Amino acid sequence: MKHILITGGTGFVGRVITKHLTSLGNKVFILTRSHKETNDKNVHYIQWQTVQETELPPIYAVINLAGESINGRWTDEKKKGILNSRLNVTENLLQIVQRMPQKPQVWINASAIGYYGTSESEVFTEKTKQHGRDFLAEVVKAWEMKANEARDLGCRTVFTRFGLILGRDGGVLPQLALPYRFFAGGTVGSGSQCVSWVHEEDVARLIEEVLQNGHYEGPVNVTAPGPVTMKKFGQVLGDVMHRPHWLPAPSLAFKLLFGEMSMLILKGQQVLPEKAMDLNFSFKFPHLKDALQDLLQ
């Protein structure tokens, strides 16, 4: 049994990870700004305002997931919130850890494949050194630089660069599946842009692997080994849902609806989890059709 401290534990990804880790007998302490209660003896909610480091048991690992949602139009104010929320939470968490009598062995920091920027031809792995130049890439770079200060506290530090997470009750899958439910699904944008996706269960399983295996350090791509084009994604989604894939969704409509955020869907990233594959991590859902069947049927 390990004691694990999590920020952002009440969000979609945090809930998935917490459920998985507690099912293995670990105790999870979730830092939150609102009052929460639970009947789960392995989950403890702690308010940021009242946390006392000396009252916590020795913490084996910190998992930092907190930050303002990137959903919504990226106005100048929204962009500031996206960046500052991540940097401020990480700084506060670093201060908490610094005051701990016994430092955690591992610091896992949420990140994103947005670090790499977009491309329809290049393949990105953890060995890719050049980061993108768009807004999201700059946010990820700044966030990882701040989180990297955990190394100075003696923590093995890992940046989990999440791809497009597919989940039953969260992530982007419900929105992507909605048009198909009404027989209106089709290719989004050009269709040639690549989707680097991952099943929610493999997210939690890879986090568990990172906690246990000391060979994981630095960036870790949390994506399935089988990225597909958006056209292929839609075709498989329609097939699994027994719905036609026929009505295209033009890029202009997405740009008008989501503004700059539309780049997350309209521009591609072919990202491979090279580090996980090199360390022989076994994905439960390496293929898109299997993942969608598990989540939607």
C-alpha atoms as a PDB file:
ATOM      1  CA  MET A   1       0.000   0.000   0.000  1.00  0.00           C
ATOM      2  CA  LYS A   2       1.246   3.452  -0.963  1.00  0.00           C
ATOM      3  CA  HIS A   3       0.089   6.931   0.088  1.00  0.00           C
ATOM      4  CA  ILE A   4      -0.443   9.136  -2.974  1.00  0.00           C
ATOM      5  CA  LEU A   5      -1.226  12.855  -3.019  1.00  0.00           C
ATOM      6  CA  ILE A   6      -3.237  14.090  -6.021  1.00  0.00           C
ATOM      7  CA  THR A   7      -4.265  17.530  -7.238  1.00  0.00           C
ATOM      8  CA  GLY A   8      -7.068  17.677  -9.780  1.00  0.00           C
ATOM      9  CA  GLY A   9      -8.369  14.399  -8.387  1.00  0.00           C
ATOM     10  CA  THR A  10     -12.030  15.379  -8.824  1.00  0.00           C
ATOM     11  CA  GLY A  11     -11.703  15.901 -12.597  1.00  0.00           C
ATOM     12  CA  PHE A  12     -12.265  13.272 -15.284  1.00  0.00           C
ATOM     13  CA  VAL A  13      -8.689  11.967 -15.430  1.00  0.00           C
ATOM     14  CA  GLY A  14      -8.244  12.294 -11.676  1.00  0.00           C
ATOM     15  CA  ARG A  15     -11.320  10.160 -10.984  1.00  0.00           C
ATOM     16  CA  VAL A  16     -10.134   7.435 -13.363  1.00  0.00           C
ATOM     17  CA  ILE A  17      -6.660   7.322 -11.807  1.00  0.00           C
ATOM     18  CA  THR A  18      -7.972   7.462  -8.239  1.00  0.00           C
ATOM     19  CA  LYS A  19     -10.397   4.589  -8.828  1.00  0.00           C
ATOM     20  CA  HIS A  20      -7.642   2.446 -10.306  1.00  0.00           C
ATOM     21  CA  LEU A  21      -5.056   3.173  -7.618  1.00  0.00           C
ATOM     22  CA  THR A  22      -7.466   2.600  -4.728  1.00  0.00           C
ATOM     23  CA  SER A  23      -8.633  -0.678  -6.294  1.00  0.00           C
ATOM     24  CA  LEU A  24      -5.048  -1.851  -5.810  1.00  0.00           C
ATOM     25  CA  GLY A  25      -5.159  -0.984  -2.116  1.00  0.00           C
ATOM     26  CA  ASN A  26      -3.410   2.391  -2.217  1.00  0.00           C
ATOM     27  CA  LYS A  27      -4.605   5.354  -0.173  1.00  0.00           C
ATOM     28  CA  VAL A  28      -5.213   8.555  -2.133  1.00  0.00           C
ATOM     29  CA  PHE A  29      -5.211  12.034  -0.609  1.00  0.00           C
ATOM     30  CA  ILE A  30      -6.914  14.558  -2.893  1.00  0.00           C
ATOM     31  CA  LEU A  31      -6.151  18.249  -2.491  1.00  0.00           C
ATOM     32  CA  THR A  32      -9.311  20.252  -3.227  1.00  0.00           C
ATOM     33  CA  ARG A  33     -10.554  23.811  -2.734  1.00  0.00           C
ATOM     34  CA  SER A  34     -14.102  22.749  -1.868  1.00  0.00           C
ATOM     35  CA  HIS A  35     -15.468  20.557   0.903  1.00  0.00           C
ATOM     36  CA  LYS A  36     -15.791  16.927  -0.197  1.00  0.00           C
ATOM     37  CA  GLU A  37     -16.811  13.752   1.598  1.00  0.00           C
ATOM     38  CA  THR A  38     -16.643  10.086   0.641  1.00  0.00           C
ATOM     39  CA  ASN A  39     -17.436   6.691   2.107  1.00  0.00           C
ATOM     40  CA  ASP A  40     -14.361   5.201   0.466  1.00  0.00           C
ATOM     41  CA  LYS A  41     -11.875   4.517   3.258  1.00  0.00           C
ATOM     42  CA  ASN A  42      -9.013   4.717   0.760  1.00  0.00           C
ATOM     43  CA  VAL A  43      -9.856   8.230  -0.435  1.00  0.00           C
ATOM     44  CA  HIS A  44      -9.296  11.311   1.725  1.00  0.00           C
ATOM     45  CA  TYR A  45     -10.151  14.876   0.665  1.00  0.00           C
ATOM     46  CA  ILE A  46      -7.949  17.623   2.060  1.00  0.00           C
ATOM     47  CA  GLN A  47      -8.623  21.313   1.573  1.00  0.00           C
ATOM     48  CA  TRP A  48      -5.767  23.390   0.208  1.00  0.00           C
ATOM     49  CA  GLN A  49      -6.438  26.091   2.790  1.00  0.00           C
ATOM     50  CA  THR A  50      -6.018  23.793   5.787  1.00  0.00           C
ATOM     51  CA  VAL A  51      -3.454  21.224   4.666  1.00  0.00           C
ATOM     52  CA  GLN A  52      -0.731  20.591   7.213  1.00  0.00           C
ATOM     53  CA  GLU A  53       2.225  18.667   5.863  1.00  0.00           C
ATOM     54  CA  THR A  54       3.063  17.193   9.266  1.00  0.00           C
ATOM     55  CA  GLU A  55      -0.461  15.700   9.545  1.00  0.00           C
ATOM     56  CA  LEU A  56      -0.116  13.750   6.308  1.00  0.00           C
ATOM     57  CA  PRO A  57       1.355  10.256   6.384  1.00  0.00           C
ATOM     58  CA  PRO A  58       4.607   9.799   4.461  1.00  0.00           C
ATOM     59  CA  ILE A  59       3.638  10.423   0.827  1.00  0.00           C
ATOM     60  CA  TYR A  60       5.146   8.025  -1.708  1.00  0.00           C
ATOM     61  CA  ALA A  61       4.097   9.969  -4.815  1.00  0.00           C
ATOM     62  CA  VAL A  62       2.567  13.238  -5.948  1.00  0.00           C
ATOM     63  CA  ILE A  63       0.344  13.306  -9.037  1.00  0.00           C
ATOM     64  CA  ASN A  64      -0.279  16.869 -10.201  1.00  0.00           C
ATOM     65  CA  LEU A  65      -3.266  17.102 -12.561  1.00  0.00           C
ATOM     66  CA  ALA A  66      -4.743  20.454 -11.585  1.00  0.00           C
ATOM     67  CA  GLY A  67      -5.324  23.331 -13.978  1.00  0.00           C
ATOM     68  CA  GLU A  68      -8.119  25.313 -15.556  1.00  0.00           C
ATOM     69  CA  SER A  69      -9.940  23.409 -18.295  1.00  0.00           C
ATOM     70  CA  ILE A  70      -8.818  24.175 -21.859  1.00  0.00           C
ATOM     71  CA  ASN A  71     -12.407  23.776 -23.070  1.00  0.00           C
ATOM     72  CA  GLY A  72     -14.051  26.923 -24.372  1.00  0.00           C
ATOM     73  CA  ARG A  73     -12.928  29.773 -26.610  1.00  0.00           C
ATOM     74  CA  TRP A  74      -9.352  30.825 -25.972  1.00  0.00           C
ATOM     75  CA  THR A  75      -9.781  34.518 -25.269  1.00  0.00           C
ATOM     76  CA  ASP A  76      -6.791  36.415 -23.885  1.00  0.00           C
ATOM     77  CA  GLU A  77      -8.276  36.096 -20.395  1.00  0.00           C
ATOM     78  CA  LYS A  78      -8.916  32.379 -20.868  1.00  0.00           C
ATOM     79  CA  LYS A  79      -5.326  31.848 -22.010  1.00  0.00           C
ATOM     80  CA  LYS A  80      -3.988  33.576 -18.916  1.00  0.00           C
ATOM     81  CA  GLY A  81      -6.169  31.366 -16.746  1.00  0.00           C
ATOM     82  CA  ILE A  82      -5.039  28.182 -18.494  1.00  0.00           C
ATOM     83  CA  LEU A  83      -1.362  29.037 -18.003  1.00  0.00           C
ATOM     84  CA  ASN A  84      -1.421  30.712 -14.595  1.00  0.00           C
ATOM     85  CA  SER A  85      -3.629  28.092 -12.956  1.00  0.00           C
ATOM     86  CA  ARG A  86      -1.120  25.376 -13.833  1.00  0.00           C
ATOM     87  CA  LEU A  87       1.923  27.342 -12.750  1.00  0.00           C
ATOM     88  CA  ASN A  88       0.331  28.565  -9.507  1.00  0.00           C
ATOM     89  CA  VAL A  89      -0.950  25.154  -8.421  1.00  0.00           C
ATOM     90  CA  THR A  90       2.417  23.583  -9.185  1.00  0.00           C
ATOM     91  CA  GLU A  91       4.269  26.268  -7.231  1.00  0.00           C
ATOM     92  CA  ASN A  92       1.962  25.813  -4.229  1.00  0.00           C
ATOM     93  CA  LEU A  93       2.401  22.054  -4.401  1.00  0.00           C
ATOM     94  CA  LEU A  94       6.173  22.390  -4.568  1.00  0.00           C
ATOM     95  CA  GLN A  95       6.054  24.480  -1.400  1.00  0.00           C
ATOM     96  CA  ILE A  96       3.956  21.839   0.371  1.00  0.00           C
ATOM     97  CA  VAL A  97       6.396  19.102  -0.621  1.00  0.00           C
ATOM     98  CA  GLN A  98       9.367  21.227   0.386  1.00  0.00           C
ATOM     99  CA  ARG A  99       7.968  21.425   3.929  1.00  0.00           C
ATOM    100  CA  MET A 100       7.341  17.683   4.189  1.00  0.00           C
ATOM    101  CA  PRO A 101       9.667  15.975   6.698  1.00  0.00           C
ATOM    102  CA  GLN A 102       9.942  13.018   4.298  1.00  0.00           C
ATOM    103  CA  LYS A 103       9.915  13.864   0.584  1.00  0.00           C
ATOM    104  CA  PRO A 104       7.910  11.813  -1.944  1.00  0.00           C
ATOM    105  CA  GLN A 105       9.895   9.435  -4.127  1.00  0.00           C
ATOM    106  CA  VAL A 106       7.967  10.267  -7.295  1.00  0.00           C
ATOM    107  CA  TRP A 107       6.394  13.377  -8.810  1.00  0.00           C
ATOM    108  CA  ILE A 108       4.118  12.743 -11.797  1.00  0.00           C
ATOM    109  CA  ASN A 109       3.049  15.897 -13.570  1.00  0.00           C
ATOM    110  CA  ALA A 110       0.220  16.006 -16.070  1.00  0.00           C
ATOM    111  CA  SER A 111       1.259  17.291 -19.457  1.00  0.00           C
ATOM    112  CA  ALA A 112       0.049  16.978 -23.038  1.00  0.00           C
ATOM    113  CA  ILE A 113       1.211  15.902 -26.467  1.00  0.00           C
ATOM    114  CA  GLY A 114       0.455  19.491 -27.404  1.00  0.00           C
ATOM    115  CA  TYR A 115       4.108  20.019 -26.457  1.00  0.00           C
ATOM    116  CA  TYR A 116       5.135  18.821 -29.913  1.00  0.00           C
ATOM    117  CA  GLY A 117       3.009  21.159 -31.987  1.00  0.00           C
ATOM    118  CA  THR A 118       1.145  19.850 -35.033  1.00  0.00           C
ATOM    119  CA  SER A 119       2.173  18.076 -38.221  1.00  0.00           C
ATOM    120  CA  GLU A 120       0.553  15.782 -40.776  1.00  0.00           C
ATOM    121  CA  SER A 121       3.857  14.105 -41.665  1.00  0.00           C
ATOM    122  CA  GLU A 122       6.200  14.085 -38.658  1.00  0.00           C
ATOM    123  CA  VAL A 123       6.168  11.325 -36.026  1.00  0.00           C
ATOM    124  CA  PHE A 124       6.747  12.534 -32.474  1.00  0.00           C
ATOM    125  CA  THR A 125       8.289  10.509 -29.632  1.00  0.00           C
ATOM    126  CA  GLU A 126       9.796  11.398 -26.263  1.00  0.00           C
ATOM    127  CA  LYS A 127      13.115  11.830 -28.105  1.00  0.00           C
ATOM    128  CA  THR A 128      11.695  14.790 -30.040  1.00  0.00           C
ATOM    129  CA  LYS A 129      13.523  17.799 -28.607  1.00  0.00           C
ATOM    130  CA  GLN A 130      11.915  20.673 -30.517  1.00  0.00           C
ATOM    131  CA  HIS A 131       8.627  21.830 -29.053  1.00  0.00           C
ATOM    132  CA  GLY A 132       5.816  23.509 -30.954  1.00  0.00           C
ATOM    133  CA  ARG A 133       5.286  27.249 -31.227  1.00  0.00           C
ATOM    134  CA  ASP A 134       1.528  27.491 -30.707  1.00  0.00           C
ATOM    135  CA  PHE A 135      -0.198  28.507 -27.477  1.00  0.00           C
ATOM    136  CA  LEU A 136      -0.732  25.014 -26.083  1.00  0.00           C
ATOM    137  CA  ALA A 137       2.868  24.014 -26.756  1.00  0.00           C
ATOM    138  CA  GLU A 138       4.119  27.069 -24.872  1.00  0.00           C
ATOM    139  CA  VAL A 139       1.819  26.271 -21.926  1.00  0.00           C
ATOM    140  CA  VAL A 140       3.078  22.691 -21.732  1.00  0.00           C
ATOM    141  CA  LYS A 141       6.705  23.800 -21.946  1.00  0.00           C
ATOM    142  CA  ALA A 142       6.257  26.327 -19.123  1.00  0.00           C
ATOM    143  CA  TRP A 143       4.346  23.819 -16.977  1.00  0.00           C
ATOM    144  CA  GLU A 144       7.000  21.131 -17.355  1.00  0.00           C
ATOM    145  CA  MET A 145       9.767  23.617 -16.545  1.00  0.00           C
ATOM    146  CA  LYS A 146       8.019  24.584 -13.298  1.00  0.00           C
ATOM    147  CA  ALA A 147       7.303  20.947 -12.351  1.00  0.00           C
ATOM    148  CA  ASN A 148      10.911  20.025 -13.065  1.00  0.00           C
ATOM    149  CA  GLU A 149      11.834  21.853  -9.844  1.00  0.00           C
ATOM    150  CA  ALA A 150      10.643  18.706  -8.040  1.00  0.00           C
ATOM    151  CA  ARG A 151      13.947  17.127  -9.065  1.00  0.00           C
ATOM    152  CA  ASP A 152      15.696  19.538  -6.732  1.00  0.00           C
ATOM    153  CA  LEU A 153      13.593  18.088  -3.904  1.00  0.00           C
ATOM    154  CA  GLY A 154      14.853  14.594  -4.665  1.00  0.00           C
ATOM    155  CA  CYS A 155      11.759  13.344  -6.497  1.00  0.00           C
ATOM    156  CA  ARG A 156      11.939  11.163  -9.607  1.00  0.00           C
ATOM    157  CA  THR A 157      10.037  13.453 -11.945  1.00  0.00           C
ATOM    158  CA  VAL A 158       7.847  12.330 -14.837  1.00  0.00           C
ATOM    159  CA  PHE A 159       5.835  14.391 -17.341  1.00  0.00           C
ATOM    160  CA  THR A 160       2.904  12.327 -18.594  1.00  0.00           C
ATOM    161  CA  ARG A 161       2.044  13.807 -21.985  1.00  0.00           C
ATOM    162  CA  PHE A 162      -1.570  12.767 -22.462  1.00  0.00           C
ATOM    163  CA  GLY A 163      -3.060  12.238 -25.881  1.00  0.00           C
ATOM    164  CA  LEU A 164      -6.782  12.348 -26.685  1.00  0.00           C
ATOM    165  CA  ILE A 165      -8.233  10.394 -23.757  1.00  0.00           C
ATOM    166  CA  LEU A 166     -11.292   8.294 -24.579  1.00  0.00           C
ATOM    167  CA  GLY A 167     -13.567   7.651 -21.611  1.00  0.00           C
ATOM    168  CA  ARG A 168     -17.077   6.533 -20.777  1.00  0.00           C
ATOM    169  CA  ASP A 169     -18.050   9.538 -18.704  1.00  0.00           C
ATOM    170  CA  GLY A 170     -15.583  12.197 -19.767  1.00  0.00           C
ATOM    171  CA  GLY A 171     -13.006  13.310 -22.275  1.00  0.00           C
ATOM    172  CA  VAL A 172     -13.916  14.039 -25.886  1.00  0.00           C
ATOM    173  CA  LEU A 173     -15.617  10.769 -26.836  1.00  0.00           C
ATOM    174  CA  PRO A 174     -19.161  11.785 -25.810  1.00  0.00           C
ATOM    175  CA  GLN A 175     -18.944  14.913 -28.004  1.00  0.00           C
ATOM    176  CA  LEU A 176     -17.426  13.046 -30.947  1.00  0.00           C
ATOM    177  CA  ALA A 177     -20.053  10.308 -30.695  1.00  0.00           C
ATOM    178  CA  LEU A 178     -23.031  12.668 -30.427  1.00  0.00           C
ATOM    179  CA  PRO A 179     -23.471  13.373 -34.189  1.00  0.00           C
ATOM    180  CA  TYR A 180     -23.378   9.642 -34.895  1.00  0.00           C
ATOM    181  CA  ARG A 181     -26.185   9.032 -32.423  1.00  0.00           C
ATOM    182  CA  PHE A 182     -28.335  11.283 -34.619  1.00  0.00           C
ATOM    183  CA  PHE A 183     -27.108   9.679 -37.884  1.00  0.00           C
ATOM    184  CA  ALA A 184     -25.168  12.862 -38.717  1.00  0.00           C
ATOM    185  CA  GLY A 185     -21.579  11.703 -38.239  1.00  0.00           C
ATOM    186  CA  GLY A 186     -18.822  12.232 -40.753  1.00  0.00           C
ATOM    187  CA  THR A 187     -15.245  13.321 -41.334  1.00  0.00           C
ATOM    188  CA  VAL A 188     -14.119  16.333 -39.314  1.00  0.00           C
ATOM    189  CA  GLY A 189     -12.014  18.824 -41.260  1.00  0.00           C
ATOM    190  CA  SER A 190      -9.736  17.385 -43.931  1.00  0.00           C
ATOM    191  CA  GLY A 191      -9.759  13.950 -42.304  1.00  0.00           C
ATOM    192  CA  SER A 192      -6.039  13.511 -42.945  1.00  0.00           C
ATOM    193  CA  GLN A 193      -5.020  14.928 -39.563  1.00  0.00           C
ATOM    194  CA  CYS A 194      -3.784  12.268 -37.141  1.00  0.00           C
ATOM    195  CA  VAL A 195      -5.488  11.444 -33.836  1.00  0.00           C
ATOM    196  CA  SER A 196      -3.212  10.162 -31.071  1.00  0.00           C
ATOM    197  CA  TRP A 197      -5.755   8.629 -28.707  1.00  0.00           C
ATOM    198  CA  VAL A 198      -5.678   6.448 -25.584  1.00  0.00           C
ATOM    199  CA  HIS A 199      -8.276   4.463 -23.610  1.00  0.00           C
ATOM    200  CA  GLU A 200      -8.904   5.761 -20.078  1.00  0.00           C
ATOM    201  CA  GLU A 201      -8.027   2.378 -18.573  1.00  0.00           C
ATOM    202  CA  ASP A 202      -4.595   2.410 -20.204  1.00  0.00           C
ATOM    203  CA  VAL A 203      -4.048   5.913 -18.822  1.00  0.00           C
ATOM    204  CA  ALA A 204      -4.566   4.629 -15.291  1.00  0.00           C
ATOM    205  CA  ARG A 205      -2.535   1.467 -15.915  1.00  0.00           C
ATOM    206  CA  LEU A 206       0.407   3.421 -17.325  1.00  0.00           C
ATOM    207  CA  ILE A 207       0.315   5.832 -14.368  1.00  0.00           C
ATOM    208  CA  GLU A 208       0.499   2.791 -12.088  1.00  0.00           C
ATOM    209  CA  GLU A 209       3.471   1.493 -14.111  1.00  0.00           C
ATOM    210  CA  VAL A 210       5.251   4.840 -13.850  1.00  0.00           C
ATOM    211  CA  LEU A 211       4.781   4.797 -10.072  1.00  0.00           C
ATOM    212  CA  GLN A 212       6.349   1.357  -9.764  1.00  0.00           C
ATOM    213  CA  ASN A 213       9.079   1.409 -12.395  1.00  0.00           C
ATOM    214  CA  GLY A 214      12.025   3.664 -11.674  1.00  0.00           C
ATOM    215  CA  HIS A 215      13.119   3.601 -15.325  1.00  0.00           C
ATOM    216  CA  TYR A 216      10.359   6.071 -16.165  1.00  0.00           C
ATOM    217  CA  GLU A 217      11.685   9.602 -15.892  1.00  0.00           C
ATOM    218  CA  GLY A 218      11.181  12.798 -17.863  1.00  0.00           C
ATOM    219  CA  PRO A 219       8.558  12.889 -20.632  1.00  0.00           C
ATOM    220  CA  VAL A 220       6.298   9.864 -21.149  1.00  0.00           C
ATOM    221  CA  ASN A 221       3.793   9.860 -24.003  1.00  0.00           C
ATOM    222  CA  VAL A 222       0.468   8.481 -22.771  1.00  0.00           C
ATOM    223  CA  THR A 223      -1.001   7.470 -26.122  1.00  0.00           C
ATOM    224  CA  ALA A 224      -1.983   4.166 -27.710  1.00  0.00           C
ATOM    225  CA  PRO A 225       0.579   2.703 -30.130  1.00  0.00           C
ATOM    226  CA  GLY A 226      -1.934   2.877 -32.989  1.00  0.00           C
ATOM    227  CA  PRO A 227      -2.753   6.513 -33.906  1.00  0.00           C
ATOM    228  CA  VAL A 228      -5.203   6.934 -36.796  1.00  0.00           C
ATOM    229  CA  THR A 229      -6.358   9.705 -39.134  1.00  0.00           C
ATOM    230  CA  MET A 230      -9.499  11.597 -38.202  1.00  0.00           C
ATOM    231  CA  LYS A 231     -11.258  10.061 -41.192  1.00  0.00           C
ATOM    232  CA  LYS A 232     -10.390   6.570 -39.989  1.00  0.00           C
ATOM    233  CA  PHE A 233     -11.419   7.488 -36.445  1.00  0.00           C
ATOM    234  CA  GLY A 234     -14.851   8.553 -37.673  1.00  0.00           C
ATOM    235  CA  GLN A 235     -15.281   5.459 -39.809  1.00  0.00           C
ATOM    236  CA  VAL A 236     -14.453   3.144 -36.911  1.00  0.00           C
ATOM    237  CA  LEU A 237     -16.684   5.147 -34.564  1.00  0.00           C
ATOM    238  CA  GLY A 238     -19.605   4.868 -36.992  1.00  0.00           C
ATOM    239  CA  ASP A 239     -18.993   1.149 -37.443  1.00  0.00           C
ATOM    240  CA  VAL A 240     -18.941   0.482 -33.687  1.00  0.00           C
ATOM    241  CA  MET A 241     -22.110   2.544 -33.162  1.00  0.00           C
ATOM    242  CA  HIS A 242     -23.828   1.015 -36.215  1.00  0.00           C
ATOM    243  CA  ARG A 243     -24.272   4.453 -37.706  1.00  0.00           C
ATOM    244  CA  PRO A 244     -23.323   5.875 -41.114  1.00  0.00           C
ATOM    245  CA  HIS A 245     -20.195   7.939 -41.590  1.00  0.00           C
ATOM    246  CA  TRP A 246     -21.300  10.320 -44.295  1.00  0.00           C
ATOM    247  CA  LEU A 247     -21.917  13.963 -43.303  1.00  0.00           C
ATOM    248  CA  PRO A 248     -18.649  15.986 -43.327  1.00  0.00           C
ATOM    249  CA  ALA A 249     -18.057  18.629 -40.671  1.00  0.00           C
ATOM    250  CA  PRO A 250     -16.176  21.475 -42.423  1.00  0.00           C
ATOM    251  CA  SER A 251     -13.184  23.105 -40.766  1.00  0.00           C
ATOM    252  CA  LEU A 252     -14.764  26.553 -40.973  1.00  0.00           C
ATOM    253  CA  ALA A 253     -17.666  25.486 -38.768  1.00  0.00           C
ATOM    254  CA  PHE A 254     -15.288  24.259 -36.073  1.00  0.00           C
ATOM    255  CA  LYS A 255     -13.203  27.421 -36.265  1.00  0.00           C
ATOM    256  CA  LEU A 256     -16.287  29.613 -35.884  1.00  0.00           C
ATOM    257  CA  LEU A 257     -17.552  27.535 -32.972  1.00  0.00           C
ATOM    258  CA  PHE A 258     -14.333  26.997 -31.011  1.00  0.00           C
ATOM    259  CA  GLY A 259     -11.947  29.655 -32.290  1.00  0.00           C
ATOM    260  CA  GLU A 260      -8.253  28.875 -31.722  1.00  0.00           C
ATOM    261  CA  MET A 261      -9.138  25.806 -29.660  1.00  0.00           C
ATOM    262  CA  SER A 262     -10.357  24.133 -32.880  1.00  0.00           C
ATOM    263  CA  MET A 263      -6.713  23.312 -33.666  1.00  0.00           C
ATOM    264  CA  LEU A 264      -6.925  20.405 -31.210  1.00  0.00           C
ATOM    265  CA  ILE A 265      -9.270  18.616 -33.620  1.00  0.00           C
ATOM    266  CA  LEU A 266      -8.386  20.110 -37.004  1.00  0.00           C
ATOM    267  CA  LYS A 267      -4.587  19.786 -36.851  1.00  0.00           C
ATOM    268  CA  GLY A 268      -2.828  16.473 -36.482  1.00  0.00           C
ATOM    269  CA  GLN A 269      -0.252  14.926 -34.202  1.00  0.00           C
ATOM    270  CA  GLN A 270       1.152  11.459 -34.761  1.00  0.00           C
ATOM    271  CA  VAL A 271       2.601  10.634 -31.349  1.00  0.00           C
ATOM    272  CA  LEU A 272       4.002   7.253 -30.333  1.00  0.00           C
ATOM    273  CA  PRO A 273       4.527   5.998 -26.744  1.00  0.00           C
ATOM    274  CA  GLU A 274       8.091   4.950 -27.465  1.00  0.00           C
ATOM    275  CA  LYS A 275       9.263   4.962 -23.858  1.00  0.00           C
ATOM    276  CA  ALA A 276       6.395   2.747 -22.667  1.00  0.00           C
ATOM    277  CA  MET A 277       6.943   0.345 -25.568  1.00  0.00           C
ATOM    278  CA  ASP A 278      10.698   0.198 -24.922  1.00  0.00           C
ATOM    279  CA  LEU A 279       9.958  -0.675 -21.283  1.00  0.00           C
ATOM    280  CA  ASN A 280       7.548  -3.426 -22.396  1.00  0.00           C
ATOM    281  CA  PHE A 281       4.346  -1.854 -21.124  1.00  0.00           C
ATOM    282  CA  SER A 282       1.405  -3.891 -22.423  1.00  0.00           C
ATOM    283  CA  PHE A 283      -1.499  -1.760 -23.617  1.00  0.00           C
ATOM    284  CA  LYS A 284      -4.861  -3.372 -22.957  1.00  0.00           C
ATOM    285  CA  PHE A 285      -6.391  -1.402 -25.837  1.00  0.00           C
ATOM    286  CA  PRO A 286      -3.764  -0.858 -28.547  1.00  0.00           C
ATOM    287  CA  HIS A 287      -6.397  -0.812 -31.327  1.00  0.00           C
ATOM    288  CA  LEU A 288      -9.088   1.840 -31.750  1.00  0.00           C
ATOM    289  CA  LYS A 289     -11.962  -0.508 -32.570  1.00  0.00           C
ATOM    290  CA  ASP A 290     -11.397  -2.569 -29.424  1.00  0.00           C
ATOM    291  CA  ALA A 291     -11.226   0.599 -27.330  1.00  0.00           C
ATOM    292  CA  LEU A 292     -14.446   2.051 -28.761  1.00  0.00           C
ATOM    293  CA  GLN A 293     -16.291  -1.244 -28.430  1.00  0.00           C
ATOM    294  CA  ASP A 294     -15.329  -1.418 -24.781  1.00  0.00           C
ATOM    295  CA  LEU A 295     -16.434   2.168 -24.111  1.00  0.00           C
ATOM    296  CA  LEU A 296     -19.608   2.363 -26.202  1.00  0.00           C
ATOM    297  CA  GLN A 297     -21.158  -1.096 -26.137  1.00  0.00           C
END
